[in-house]
Amino acid sequence: MSSSPKIDDALREAIISQPDVILDDTDVMQALIAANERAMGGNIVDLRGIAMERLETRLDRLEDTHRSVIAAAYENLAGTNQIHRAILRMMDPTEFEGFLRNLGGEVAEILRVNAVKLVLESVQNDDDPAVRRLGDVLSVAEPGFIDDYLTRGRGGNVRQVTLRGVQNGAEHIYGEKADWIRSEACIKLNFGEGRLPGLLVLGAEDPHMFGPQQGTDLLTFFAGVFERAMRRWLS
């Protein structure tokens, strides 16, 4: 007499009537394949089973890649919308003082950063009344300061956009917020021939907000719009 357990008639009928339910259930199919390998014995190599395992592994990797691509696309779309909103808000003010105050207010909120600072190289100094009046956003530095700050005094090529982590923000730039800043985006600005450069700095308390592994395309676009707006004010 056979010792193999007999399948329940109701279950057998359910499987025969709806075989797709079994085929679509990954766990059930893996259990059936494992049972088949045990029945074949340890000395027989099931090439079909090996092939299926490899296909399942490749499918899992493909699904992970697919999810990563979709997540990156959504993140890029969200970042694009964020930059567009910041640019539209930045263009609203009709006076330079309002432009700068708006930069450190609503534009900073849209970009989700804790500080926005504009550094202009100039022979003027921070004691100028106009500079002091806008000191929350604007600061003035001597010529050569920006390249030195971006390269941390090491010299070499200067990129338009530099993303990096910091232990503490520069007090000359961030003022009383310097101790809170843990990452920053530094955007070098070109105001046209015959003018000294500027630097727009976005500072964040989050150490992972900005890093060298991130893309810079959106911030480069933002820099282009900002430069054009500043040229209008400087004129």
Protein backbone atom coordinates (compact mmCIF):
# COMPACT_ATOMS: atom_id res chain seq x y z
CA MET A 1 0.00 0.00 0.00
CA SER A 2 1.34 3.41 -0.88
CA SER A 3 2.27 5.71 2.02
CA SER A 4 1.93 8.86 -0.10
CA PRO A 5 -0.86 11.09 1.26
CA LYS A 6 -3.81 11.53 -1.06
CA ILE A 7 -4.72 15.09 -2.03
CA ASP A 8 -8.08 16.30 -0.85
CA ASP A 9 -10.72 16.02 -3.61
CA ALA A 10 -11.97 19.59 -3.13
CA LEU A 11 -8.43 20.97 -3.31
CA ARG A 12 -7.71 18.83 -6.38
CA GLU A 13 -10.79 20.15 -8.15
CA ALA A 14 -9.86 23.74 -7.22
CA ILE A 15 -6.36 23.31 -8.68
CA ILE A 16 -7.67 21.71 -11.89
CA SER A 17 -10.30 24.39 -12.35
CA GLN A 18 -7.93 27.30 -11.63
CA PRO A 19 -4.33 26.26 -12.43
CA ASP A 20 -3.30 29.89 -12.92
CA VAL A 21 -3.68 30.47 -9.20
CA ILE A 22 -0.86 27.99 -8.58
CA LEU A 23 1.33 29.30 -11.39
CA ASP A 24 0.99 32.90 -10.21
CA ASP A 25 1.89 32.09 -6.61
CA THR A 26 5.70 32.33 -6.33
CA ASP A 27 5.92 30.61 -2.94
CA VAL A 28 3.78 27.65 -4.05
CA MET A 29 5.78 27.19 -7.25
CA GLN A 30 9.07 27.25 -5.36
CA ALA A 31 7.74 24.63 -2.93
CA LEU A 32 6.69 22.38 -5.85
CA ILE A 33 10.07 22.74 -7.51
CA ALA A 34 11.86 21.91 -4.25
CA ALA A 35 9.65 18.85 -3.76
CA ASN A 36 10.40 17.72 -7.30
CA GLU A 37 14.16 18.04 -6.70
CA ARG A 38 13.90 15.98 -3.51
CA ALA A 39 11.94 13.30 -5.36
CA MET A 40 14.63 13.13 -8.08
CA GLY A 41 17.35 12.45 -5.54
CA GLY A 42 20.60 14.19 -4.69
CA ASN A 43 22.63 12.64 -7.54
CA ILE A 44 20.57 14.18 -10.36
CA VAL A 45 21.22 17.72 -11.53
CA ASP A 46 18.02 19.52 -12.55
CA LEU A 47 19.20 21.96 -15.20
CA ARG A 48 15.72 23.37 -15.61
CA GLY A 49 15.54 24.17 -11.90
CA ILE A 50 18.94 25.84 -12.01
CA ALA A 51 17.87 27.90 -15.01
CA MET A 52 14.68 28.96 -13.24
CA GLU A 53 16.63 30.05 -10.15
CA ARG A 54 18.92 32.16 -12.30
CA LEU A 55 15.96 33.68 -14.11
CA GLU A 56 14.30 34.50 -10.78
CA THR A 57 17.49 36.18 -9.58
CA ARG A 58 17.72 38.24 -12.76
CA LEU A 59 14.04 39.15 -12.50
CA ASP A 60 14.51 40.32 -8.90
CA ARG A 61 17.47 42.49 -9.96
CA LEU A 62 15.45 43.89 -12.86
CA GLU A 63 12.54 44.75 -10.55
CA ASP A 64 14.92 46.49 -8.11
CA THR A 65 16.42 48.50 -10.98
CA HIS A 66 12.95 49.37 -12.24
CA ARG A 67 11.92 50.65 -8.81
CA SER A 68 15.14 52.65 -8.51
CA VAL A 69 14.64 54.26 -11.93
CA ILE A 70 11.04 55.21 -11.09
CA ALA A 71 12.09 56.63 -7.71
CA ALA A 72 14.86 58.66 -9.34
CA ALA A 73 12.45 59.97 -11.98
CA TYR A 74 9.95 61.11 -9.34
CA GLU A 75 12.74 62.69 -7.30
CA ASN A 76 14.06 64.54 -10.35
CA LEU A 77 10.57 65.75 -11.24
CA ALA A 78 10.01 66.97 -7.68
CA GLY A 79 13.38 68.75 -7.74
CA THR A 80 12.56 70.40 -11.07
CA ASN A 81 9.21 71.66 -9.76
CA GLN A 82 10.94 72.95 -6.63
CA ILE A 83 13.51 74.94 -8.62
CA HIS A 84 10.82 76.35 -10.92
CA ARG A 85 8.75 77.51 -7.94
CA ALA A 86 11.80 79.12 -6.35
CA ILE A 87 12.66 80.96 -9.58
CA LEU A 88 9.12 82.28 -10.02
CA ARG A 89 9.06 83.52 -6.44
CA MET A 90 12.53 85.03 -6.82
CA MET A 91 11.38 87.09 -9.82
CA ASP A 92 8.41 88.67 -8.03
CA PRO A 93 10.06 91.63 -6.21
CA THR A 94 10.47 94.89 -8.11
CA GLU A 95 13.18 96.39 -5.88
CA PHE A 96 16.65 95.06 -5.07
CA GLU A 97 16.15 95.17 -1.30
CA GLY A 98 12.93 93.18 -1.64
CA PHE A 99 14.70 90.77 -3.99
CA LEU A 100 17.36 89.98 -1.39
CA ARG A 101 14.96 89.72 1.54
CA ASN A 102 12.72 87.44 -0.48
CA LEU A 103 15.77 85.31 -1.26
CA GLY A 104 16.39 84.69 2.42
CA GLY A 105 12.68 84.18 3.14
CA GLU A 106 10.24 82.42 0.86
CA VAL A 107 12.84 81.28 -1.67
CA ALA A 108 14.81 79.61 1.12
CA GLU A 109 11.62 77.94 2.36
CA ILE A 110 10.78 76.60 -1.10
CA LEU A 111 14.31 75.20 -1.46
CA ARG A 112 14.07 73.75 2.08
CA VAL A 113 17.39 75.23 3.18
CA ASN A 114 18.20 76.93 6.47
CA ALA A 115 20.23 79.81 5.07
CA VAL A 116 20.68 81.63 1.77
CA LYS A 117 23.63 84.00 1.51
CA LEU A 118 24.88 86.16 -1.33
CA VAL A 119 28.56 87.10 -1.26
CA LEU A 120 29.80 89.84 -3.57
CA GLU A 121 33.46 90.55 -4.11
CA SER A 122 34.02 94.28 -3.84
CA VAL A 123 36.43 96.92 -2.66
CA GLN A 124 33.64 98.05 -0.31
CA ASN A 125 33.39 96.50 3.11
CA ASP A 126 30.65 95.38 5.46
CA ASP A 127 30.69 98.78 7.20
CA ASP A 128 28.90 100.34 4.25
CA PRO A 129 25.38 101.36 5.42
CA ALA A 130 23.72 99.71 2.40
CA VAL A 131 25.50 96.43 3.13
CA ARG A 132 24.61 96.54 6.83
CA ARG A 133 20.96 97.13 5.99
CA LEU A 134 20.88 93.89 3.97
CA GLY A 135 23.31 91.98 6.18
CA ASP A 136 20.97 89.03 6.76
CA VAL A 137 21.44 87.95 3.15
CA LEU A 138 24.22 90.04 1.63
CA SER A 139 27.87 90.17 2.61
CA VAL A 140 30.88 91.70 0.91
CA ALA A 141 34.31 90.11 0.59
CA GLU A 142 37.62 91.21 -0.83
CA PRO A 143 38.57 90.15 -4.38
CA GLY A 144 39.77 86.54 -4.54
CA PHE A 145 37.74 85.40 -1.52
CA ILE A 146 35.26 83.30 -3.52
CA ASP A 147 37.77 81.07 -5.31
CA ASP A 148 39.69 80.63 -2.08
CA TYR A 149 36.52 79.64 -0.24
CA LEU A 150 35.41 77.18 -2.92
CA THR A 151 38.79 75.43 -3.07
CA ARG A 152 39.35 75.73 0.70
CA GLY A 153 42.61 77.53 0.03
CA ARG A 154 44.08 74.76 -2.11
CA GLY A 155 43.70 76.50 -5.46
CA GLY A 156 42.97 74.63 -8.68
CA ASN A 157 39.91 74.56 -10.92
CA VAL A 158 36.70 76.04 -9.56
CA ARG A 159 33.38 74.48 -10.57
CA GLN A 160 30.30 76.62 -10.97
CA VAL A 161 28.39 74.45 -8.47
CA THR A 162 30.07 72.84 -5.48
CA LEU A 163 28.10 70.53 -3.18
CA ARG A 164 29.76 69.44 0.05
CA GLY A 165 29.42 68.66 3.72
CA VAL A 166 30.90 70.96 6.34
CA GLN A 167 31.73 70.62 10.02
CA ASN A 168 30.73 74.20 10.70
CA GLY A 169 29.66 76.92 8.31
CA ALA A 170 31.93 79.91 7.71
CA GLU A 171 31.01 82.64 10.19
CA HIS A 172 31.81 85.37 7.66
CA ILE A 173 29.06 83.95 5.44
CA TYR A 174 26.47 82.47 7.79
CA GLY A 175 26.90 84.71 10.80
CA GLU A 176 25.12 83.37 13.89
CA LYS A 177 23.82 80.36 11.92
CA ALA A 178 27.35 79.11 11.21
CA ASP A 179 27.36 76.50 14.01
CA TRP A 180 24.23 74.81 12.65
CA ILE A 181 25.27 74.37 9.03
CA ARG A 182 26.35 70.84 8.07
CA SER A 183 26.16 70.90 4.26
CA GLU A 184 26.11 73.56 1.60
CA ALA A 185 25.65 74.26 -2.09
CA CYS A 186 28.01 76.95 -3.36
CA ILE A 187 27.13 78.54 -6.70
CA LYS A 188 29.70 80.81 -8.31
CA LEU A 189 28.09 83.68 -10.19
CA ASN A 190 29.32 85.48 -13.29
CA PHE A 191 27.90 89.01 -13.54
CA GLY A 192 29.47 89.84 -16.87
CA GLU A 193 32.67 91.25 -18.26
CA GLY A 194 34.39 93.82 -16.08
CA ARG A 195 32.54 92.80 -12.92
CA LEU A 196 33.84 90.81 -9.96
CA PRO A 197 32.18 87.45 -9.35
CA GLY A 198 29.59 86.62 -6.74
CA LEU A 199 28.74 83.54 -4.70
CA LEU A 200 25.31 82.23 -3.77
CA VAL A 201 25.46 79.84 -0.83
CA LEU A 202 22.63 77.54 0.28
CA GLY A 203 23.27 76.15 3.75
CA ALA A 204 21.45 73.27 5.43
CA GLU A 205 21.44 71.74 8.89
CA ASP A 206 20.94 68.32 7.27
CA PRO A 207 24.40 66.86 6.56
CA HIS A 208 22.95 64.83 3.67
CA MET A 209 21.15 67.71 1.95
CA PHE A 210 24.12 68.45 -0.31
CA GLY A 211 26.97 66.15 -1.28
CA PRO A 212 29.50 65.69 -4.11
CA GLN A 213 27.70 62.58 -5.39
CA GLN A 214 24.57 64.57 -6.29
CA GLY A 215 23.76 66.04 -9.68
CA THR A 216 24.12 69.78 -10.28
CA ASP A 217 22.00 70.35 -13.42
CA LEU A 218 19.06 71.97 -11.62
CA LEU A 219 21.27 74.25 -9.54
CA THR A 220 23.22 75.22 -12.65
CA PHE A 221 19.94 76.26 -14.27
CA PHE A 222 18.98 78.17 -11.13
CA ALA A 223 22.37 79.92 -11.22
CA GLY A 224 21.81 81.02 -14.82
CA VAL A 225 18.49 82.67 -13.93
CA PHE A 226 19.95 84.23 -10.79
CA GLU A 227 22.89 85.70 -12.70
CA ARG A 228 20.57 87.35 -15.21
CA ALA A 229 18.42 88.80 -12.44
CA MET A 230 21.48 90.18 -10.66
CA ARG A 231 22.85 91.74 -13.85
CA ARG A 232 19.60 93.65 -14.13
CA TRP A 233 19.95 94.99 -10.58
CA LEU A 234 23.67 95.77 -10.99
CA SER A 235 22.93 97.76 -14.13
